[in-house]
């Protein structure tokens, strides 16, 4: 009797340790988990996340462009602070105006690029083009407490928006 039990255990041991069995058992468990997860409350939400991510990837990347005026002579730290103001301004607007694009931008890396212009007129012209294209924009006006005159337009934020749309407006500008 002991020999039969030992022989039977040896057969099961061999079967359970084989790579083919492990693969089949894993696939079967995954199949069952998929069926069970679809029956749980909120299950479509989990599937929706994967579909949503796939849609975002298919639509392509989005980015935010920060356009800095160089004619004001701002120090790098001042320009960085003004860019931060513009980025926050655009983020808040995108939450309300473009939540799907914002979500895509967040999912795919939150690309931000700083470029430069040489005048207020050029900055405001770009702001007008971006608004006309339906993109999120934010223009920073300085309070005038440090390096620049109060009310000066320092930085324009555009986006987050689909890469192709932003490139039409800012693709010709040089990096800051």
C-alpha atoms as a PDB file:
ATOM      1  CA  UNK A   1       0.000   0.000   0.000  1.00  0.00           C
ATOM      2  CA  UNK A   2       2.835   2.396   0.872  1.00  0.00           C
ATOM      3  CA  UNK A   3       4.524   1.696  -2.465  1.00  0.00           C
ATOM      4  CA  UNK A   4       1.319   2.629  -4.352  1.00  0.00           C
ATOM      5  CA  UNK A   5       1.003   5.914  -2.447  1.00  0.00           C
ATOM      6  CA  UNK A   6       4.672   6.640  -3.024  1.00  0.00           C
ATOM      7  CA  UNK A   7       4.357   5.868  -6.747  1.00  0.00           C
ATOM      8  CA  UNK A   8       1.247   8.035  -7.049  1.00  0.00           C
ATOM      9  CA  UNK A   9       2.991  10.907  -5.220  1.00  0.00           C
ATOM     10  CA  UNK A  10       5.974  10.580  -7.544  1.00  0.00           C
ATOM     11  CA  UNK A  11       3.693  10.892 -10.604  1.00  0.00           C
ATOM     12  CA  UNK A  12       1.967  14.009  -9.174  1.00  0.00           C
ATOM     13  CA  UNK A  13       5.289  15.496  -8.104  1.00  0.00           C
ATOM     14  CA  UNK A  14       6.640  15.082 -11.617  1.00  0.00           C
ATOM     15  CA  UNK A  15       3.499  16.551 -13.151  1.00  0.00           C
ATOM     16  CA  UNK A  16       3.349  19.558 -10.775  1.00  0.00           C
ATOM     17  CA  UNK A  17       6.986  20.466 -11.325  1.00  0.00           C
ATOM     18  CA  UNK A  18       6.869  20.383 -15.124  1.00  0.00           C
ATOM     19  CA  UNK A  19       7.074  23.728 -16.976  1.00  0.00           C
ATOM     20  CA  UNK A  20       4.161  22.785 -19.247  1.00  0.00           C
ATOM     21  CA  UNK A  21       1.888  22.146 -16.286  1.00  0.00           C
ATOM     22  CA  UNK A  22       2.964  25.394 -14.635  1.00  0.00           C
ATOM     23  CA  UNK A  23       2.194  27.314 -17.823  1.00  0.00           C
ATOM     24  CA  UNK A  24      -1.221  25.704 -18.233  1.00  0.00           C
ATOM     25  CA  UNK A  25      -2.103  26.248 -14.561  1.00  0.00           C
ATOM     26  CA  UNK A  26      -1.082  29.902 -14.800  1.00  0.00           C
ATOM     27  CA  UNK A  27      -3.172  30.447 -17.903  1.00  0.00           C
ATOM     28  CA  UNK A  28      -6.163  28.762 -16.313  1.00  0.00           C
ATOM     29  CA  UNK A  29      -5.826  30.887 -13.155  1.00  0.00           C
ATOM     30  CA  UNK A  30      -5.582  34.047 -15.266  1.00  0.00           C
ATOM     31  CA  UNK A  31      -8.667  33.046 -17.222  1.00  0.00           C
ATOM     32  CA  UNK A  32     -10.621  32.460 -14.004  1.00  0.00           C
ATOM     33  CA  UNK A  33      -9.409  35.731 -12.488  1.00  0.00           C
ATOM     34  CA  UNK A  34     -10.567  37.581 -15.608  1.00  0.00           C
ATOM     35  CA  UNK A  35     -14.038  36.035 -15.422  1.00  0.00           C
ATOM     36  CA  UNK A  36     -14.363  36.683 -11.688  1.00  0.00           C
ATOM     37  CA  UNK A  37     -13.088  40.276 -11.954  1.00  0.00           C
ATOM     38  CA  UNK A  38     -15.752  41.107 -14.550  1.00  0.00           C
ATOM     39  CA  UNK A  39     -18.435  40.095 -12.087  1.00  0.00           C
ATOM     40  CA  UNK A  40     -17.201  42.376  -9.295  1.00  0.00           C
ATOM     41  CA  UNK A  41     -18.676  45.842  -8.705  1.00  0.00           C
ATOM     42  CA  UNK A  42     -16.613  48.486 -10.489  1.00  0.00           C
ATOM     43  CA  UNK A  43     -15.100  45.894 -12.821  1.00  0.00           C
ATOM     44  CA  UNK A  44     -15.759  47.966 -15.918  1.00  0.00           C
ATOM     45  CA  UNK A  45     -13.701  50.712 -14.333  1.00  0.00           C
ATOM     46  CA  UNK A  46     -10.589  48.525 -14.313  1.00  0.00           C
ATOM     47  CA  UNK A  47     -11.132  47.549 -17.940  1.00  0.00           C
ATOM     48  CA  UNK A  48     -11.835  51.178 -18.738  1.00  0.00           C
ATOM     49  CA  UNK A  49      -8.433  52.234 -17.402  1.00  0.00           C
ATOM     50  CA  UNK A  50      -6.660  49.916 -19.830  1.00  0.00           C
ATOM     51  CA  UNK A  51      -8.831  51.049 -22.742  1.00  0.00           C
ATOM     52  CA  UNK A  52      -8.364  54.682 -21.709  1.00  0.00           C
ATOM     53  CA  UNK A  53      -4.575  54.288 -21.635  1.00  0.00           C
ATOM     54  CA  UNK A  54      -4.635  52.584 -25.037  1.00  0.00           C
ATOM     55  CA  UNK A  55      -6.703  55.452 -26.434  1.00  0.00           C
ATOM     56  CA  UNK A  56      -4.283  58.015 -25.023  1.00  0.00           C
ATOM     57  CA  UNK A  57      -1.297  56.274 -26.529  1.00  0.00           C
ATOM     58  CA  UNK A  58      -3.069  56.043 -29.893  1.00  0.00           C
ATOM     59  CA  UNK A  59      -3.957  59.750 -29.839  1.00  0.00           C
ATOM     60  CA  UNK A  60      -0.321  60.602 -29.342  1.00  0.00           C
ATOM     61  CA  UNK A  61       1.611  62.625 -26.834  1.00  0.00           C
ATOM     62  CA  UNK A  62       0.693  65.989 -25.396  1.00  0.00           C
ATOM     63  CA  UNK A  63       2.959  68.689 -24.074  1.00  0.00           C
ATOM     64  CA  UNK A  64       3.048  72.054 -22.385  1.00  0.00           C
ATOM     65  CA  UNK A  65       5.156  74.841 -23.844  1.00  0.00           C
ATOM     66  CA  UNK A  66       6.373  77.726 -21.708  1.00  0.00           C
ATOM     67  CA  UNK A  67       7.300  80.780 -23.764  1.00  0.00           C
ATOM     68  CA  UNK A  68       9.740  83.095 -21.953  1.00  0.00           C
ATOM     69  CA  UNK A  69      10.436  86.708 -22.899  1.00  0.00           C
ATOM     70  CA  UNK A  70      14.170  87.343 -23.174  1.00  0.00           C
ATOM     71  CA  UNK A  71      13.948  91.121 -23.661  1.00  0.00           C
ATOM     72  CA  UNK A  72      13.109  91.623 -19.971  1.00  0.00           C
ATOM     73  CA  UNK A  73      16.549  90.419 -18.859  1.00  0.00           C
ATOM     74  CA  UNK A  74      15.178  88.132 -16.152  1.00  0.00           C
ATOM     75  CA  UNK A  75      17.704  86.032 -14.264  1.00  0.00           C
ATOM     76  CA  UNK A  76      17.335  82.260 -14.715  1.00  0.00           C
ATOM     77  CA  UNK A  77      15.778  81.874 -11.277  1.00  0.00           C
ATOM     78  CA  UNK A  78      13.223  84.593 -11.969  1.00  0.00           C
ATOM     79  CA  UNK A  79      12.373  83.029 -15.338  1.00  0.00           C
ATOM     80  CA  UNK A  80      12.026  79.623 -13.669  1.00  0.00           C
ATOM     81  CA  UNK A  81       9.595  81.044 -11.095  1.00  0.00           C
ATOM     82  CA  UNK A  82       7.556  82.698 -13.846  1.00  0.00           C
ATOM     83  CA  UNK A  83       7.477  79.401 -15.774  1.00  0.00           C
ATOM     84  CA  UNK A  84       6.213  77.664 -12.649  1.00  0.00           C
ATOM     85  CA  UNK A  85       3.417  80.240 -12.381  1.00  0.00           C
ATOM     86  CA  UNK A  86       2.460  79.624 -16.013  1.00  0.00           C
ATOM     87  CA  UNK A  87       2.529  75.836 -15.597  1.00  0.00           C
ATOM     88  CA  UNK A  88       0.254  75.956 -12.551  1.00  0.00           C
ATOM     89  CA  UNK A  89      -2.084  78.404 -14.302  1.00  0.00           C
ATOM     90  CA  UNK A  90      -2.357  76.142 -17.346  1.00  0.00           C
ATOM     91  CA  UNK A  91      -2.826  73.026 -15.228  1.00  0.00           C
ATOM     92  CA  UNK A  92      -5.736  74.617 -13.358  1.00  0.00           C
ATOM     93  CA  UNK A  93      -7.370  75.756 -16.602  1.00  0.00           C
ATOM     94  CA  UNK A  94      -6.861  72.340 -18.206  1.00  0.00           C
ATOM     95  CA  UNK A  95      -8.630  70.679 -15.266  1.00  0.00           C
ATOM     96  CA  UNK A  96     -11.759  72.614 -16.197  1.00  0.00           C
ATOM     97  CA  UNK A  97     -11.443  73.095 -19.954  1.00  0.00           C
ATOM     98  CA  UNK A  98      -9.544  70.039 -21.256  1.00  0.00           C
ATOM     99  CA  UNK A  99      -9.664  67.206 -18.682  1.00  0.00           C
ATOM    100  CA  UNK A 100      -9.147  64.422 -21.237  1.00  0.00           C
ATOM    101  CA  UNK A 101      -6.036  66.057 -22.707  1.00  0.00           C
ATOM    102  CA  UNK A 102      -4.740  66.780 -19.206  1.00  0.00           C
ATOM    103  CA  UNK A 103      -5.220  63.169 -18.205  1.00  0.00           C
ATOM    104  CA  UNK A 104      -3.401  62.000 -21.328  1.00  0.00           C
ATOM    105  CA  UNK A 105      -0.542  64.420 -20.653  1.00  0.00           C
ATOM    106  CA  UNK A 106      -0.254  63.184 -17.067  1.00  0.00           C
ATOM    107  CA  UNK A 107      -0.292  59.540 -18.159  1.00  0.00           C
ATOM    108  CA  UNK A 108       2.282  59.903 -20.903  1.00  0.00           C
ATOM    109  CA  UNK A 109       5.014  61.857 -19.133  1.00  0.00           C
ATOM    110  CA  UNK A 110       3.972  65.483 -18.562  1.00  0.00           C
ATOM    111  CA  UNK A 111       6.332  66.903 -21.178  1.00  0.00           C
ATOM    112  CA  UNK A 112       7.189  70.564 -20.679  1.00  0.00           C
ATOM    113  CA  UNK A 113       9.425  72.631 -22.952  1.00  0.00           C
ATOM    114  CA  UNK A 114      10.716  76.196 -22.461  1.00  0.00           C
ATOM    115  CA  UNK A 115      11.232  78.346 -25.540  1.00  0.00           C
ATOM    116  CA  UNK A 116      12.013  82.018 -25.974  1.00  0.00           C
ATOM    117  CA  UNK A 117      10.671  85.104 -27.693  1.00  0.00           C
ATOM    118  CA  UNK A 118      12.173  88.581 -27.881  1.00  0.00           C
ATOM    119  CA  UNK A 119       9.173  90.825 -27.265  1.00  0.00           C
ATOM    120  CA  UNK A 120       5.823  91.304 -25.586  1.00  0.00           C
ATOM    121  CA  UNK A 121       4.163  91.606 -28.982  1.00  0.00           C
ATOM    122  CA  UNK A 122       5.446  88.205 -30.077  1.00  0.00           C
ATOM    123  CA  UNK A 123       4.355  86.613 -26.791  1.00  0.00           C
ATOM    124  CA  UNK A 124       0.836  88.060 -27.058  1.00  0.00           C
ATOM    125  CA  UNK A 125       0.595  87.116 -30.740  1.00  0.00           C
ATOM    126  CA  UNK A 126       1.348  83.483 -29.840  1.00  0.00           C
ATOM    127  CA  UNK A 127      -1.198  83.641 -27.020  1.00  0.00           C
ATOM    128  CA  UNK A 128      -3.826  84.794 -29.513  1.00  0.00           C
ATOM    129  CA  UNK A 129      -2.980  81.989 -31.944  1.00  0.00           C
ATOM    130  CA  UNK A 130      -3.175  79.387 -29.175  1.00  0.00           C
ATOM    131  CA  UNK A 131      -6.527  80.692 -27.926  1.00  0.00           C
ATOM    132  CA  UNK A 132      -7.907  80.768 -31.470  1.00  0.00           C
ATOM    133  CA  UNK A 133      -6.853  77.122 -31.847  1.00  0.00           C
ATOM    134  CA  UNK A 134      -8.795  76.251 -28.694  1.00  0.00           C
ATOM    135  CA  UNK A 135      -5.725  75.455 -26.611  1.00  0.00           C
ATOM    136  CA  UNK A 136      -5.317  76.120 -22.911  1.00  0.00           C
ATOM    137  CA  UNK A 137      -3.252  79.261 -22.328  1.00  0.00           C
ATOM    138  CA  UNK A 138      -2.002  81.236 -19.378  1.00  0.00           C
ATOM    139  CA  UNK A 139      -0.133  84.532 -19.506  1.00  0.00           C
ATOM    140  CA  UNK A 140       1.830  85.527 -16.407  1.00  0.00           C
ATOM    141  CA  UNK A 141       1.937  89.184 -15.394  1.00  0.00           C
ATOM    142  CA  UNK A 142       4.637  90.013 -12.899  1.00  0.00           C
ATOM    143  CA  UNK A 143       3.826  91.765  -9.634  1.00  0.00           C
ATOM    144  CA  UNK A 144       6.907  93.961 -10.010  1.00  0.00           C
ATOM    145  CA  UNK A 145       8.469  93.232  -6.619  1.00  0.00           C
ATOM    146  CA  UNK A 146      11.897  92.184  -7.889  1.00  0.00           C
ATOM    147  CA  UNK A 147      13.431  92.369 -11.369  1.00  0.00           C
ATOM    148  CA  UNK A 148      10.783  93.547 -13.808  1.00  0.00           C
ATOM    149  CA  UNK A 149       8.215  96.303 -13.966  1.00  0.00           C
ATOM    150  CA  UNK A 150       4.795  95.562 -12.442  1.00  0.00           C
ATOM    151  CA  UNK A 151       2.297  94.261 -14.986  1.00  0.00           C
ATOM    152  CA  UNK A 152       4.925  92.986 -17.408  1.00  0.00           C
ATOM    153  CA  UNK A 153       3.922  89.893 -19.363  1.00  0.00           C
ATOM    154  CA  UNK A 154       6.760  87.473 -18.597  1.00  0.00           C
ATOM    155  CA  UNK A 155       5.767  83.962 -19.669  1.00  0.00           C
ATOM    156  CA  UNK A 156       3.061  82.375 -21.809  1.00  0.00           C
ATOM    157  CA  UNK A 157       1.996  78.824 -21.026  1.00  0.00           C
ATOM    158  CA  UNK A 158       0.355  76.795 -23.793  1.00  0.00           C
ATOM    159  CA  UNK A 159      -1.179  73.403 -23.104  1.00  0.00           C
ATOM    160  CA  UNK A 160      -1.087  70.694 -22.181  1.00  0.00           C
ATOM    161  CA  UNK A 161      -2.262  70.030 -25.701  1.00  0.00           C
ATOM    162  CA  UNK A 162      -1.670  67.465 -28.437  1.00  0.00           C
ATOM    163  CA  UNK A 163       1.886  67.738 -29.687  1.00  0.00           C
ATOM    164  CA  UNK A 164       0.928  68.489 -33.296  1.00  0.00           C
ATOM    165  CA  UNK A 165      -1.319  71.401 -32.309  1.00  0.00           C
ATOM    166  CA  UNK A 166       1.316  72.997 -30.093  1.00  0.00           C
ATOM    167  CA  UNK A 167       4.042  72.542 -32.702  1.00  0.00           C
ATOM    168  CA  UNK A 168       2.059  74.540 -35.269  1.00  0.00           C
ATOM    169  CA  UNK A 169       2.208  77.554 -32.959  1.00  0.00           C
ATOM    170  CA  UNK A 170       5.584  77.175 -31.205  1.00  0.00           C
ATOM    171  CA  UNK A 171       7.604  74.765 -33.347  1.00  0.00           C
ATOM    172  CA  UNK A 172       9.672  77.559 -34.901  1.00  0.00           C
ATOM    173  CA  UNK A 173      10.895  78.952 -31.547  1.00  0.00           C
ATOM    174  CA  UNK A 174      14.335  78.248 -30.094  1.00  0.00           C
ATOM    175  CA  UNK A 175      14.781  76.553 -26.725  1.00  0.00           C
ATOM    176  CA  UNK A 176      15.270  78.859 -23.765  1.00  0.00           C
END
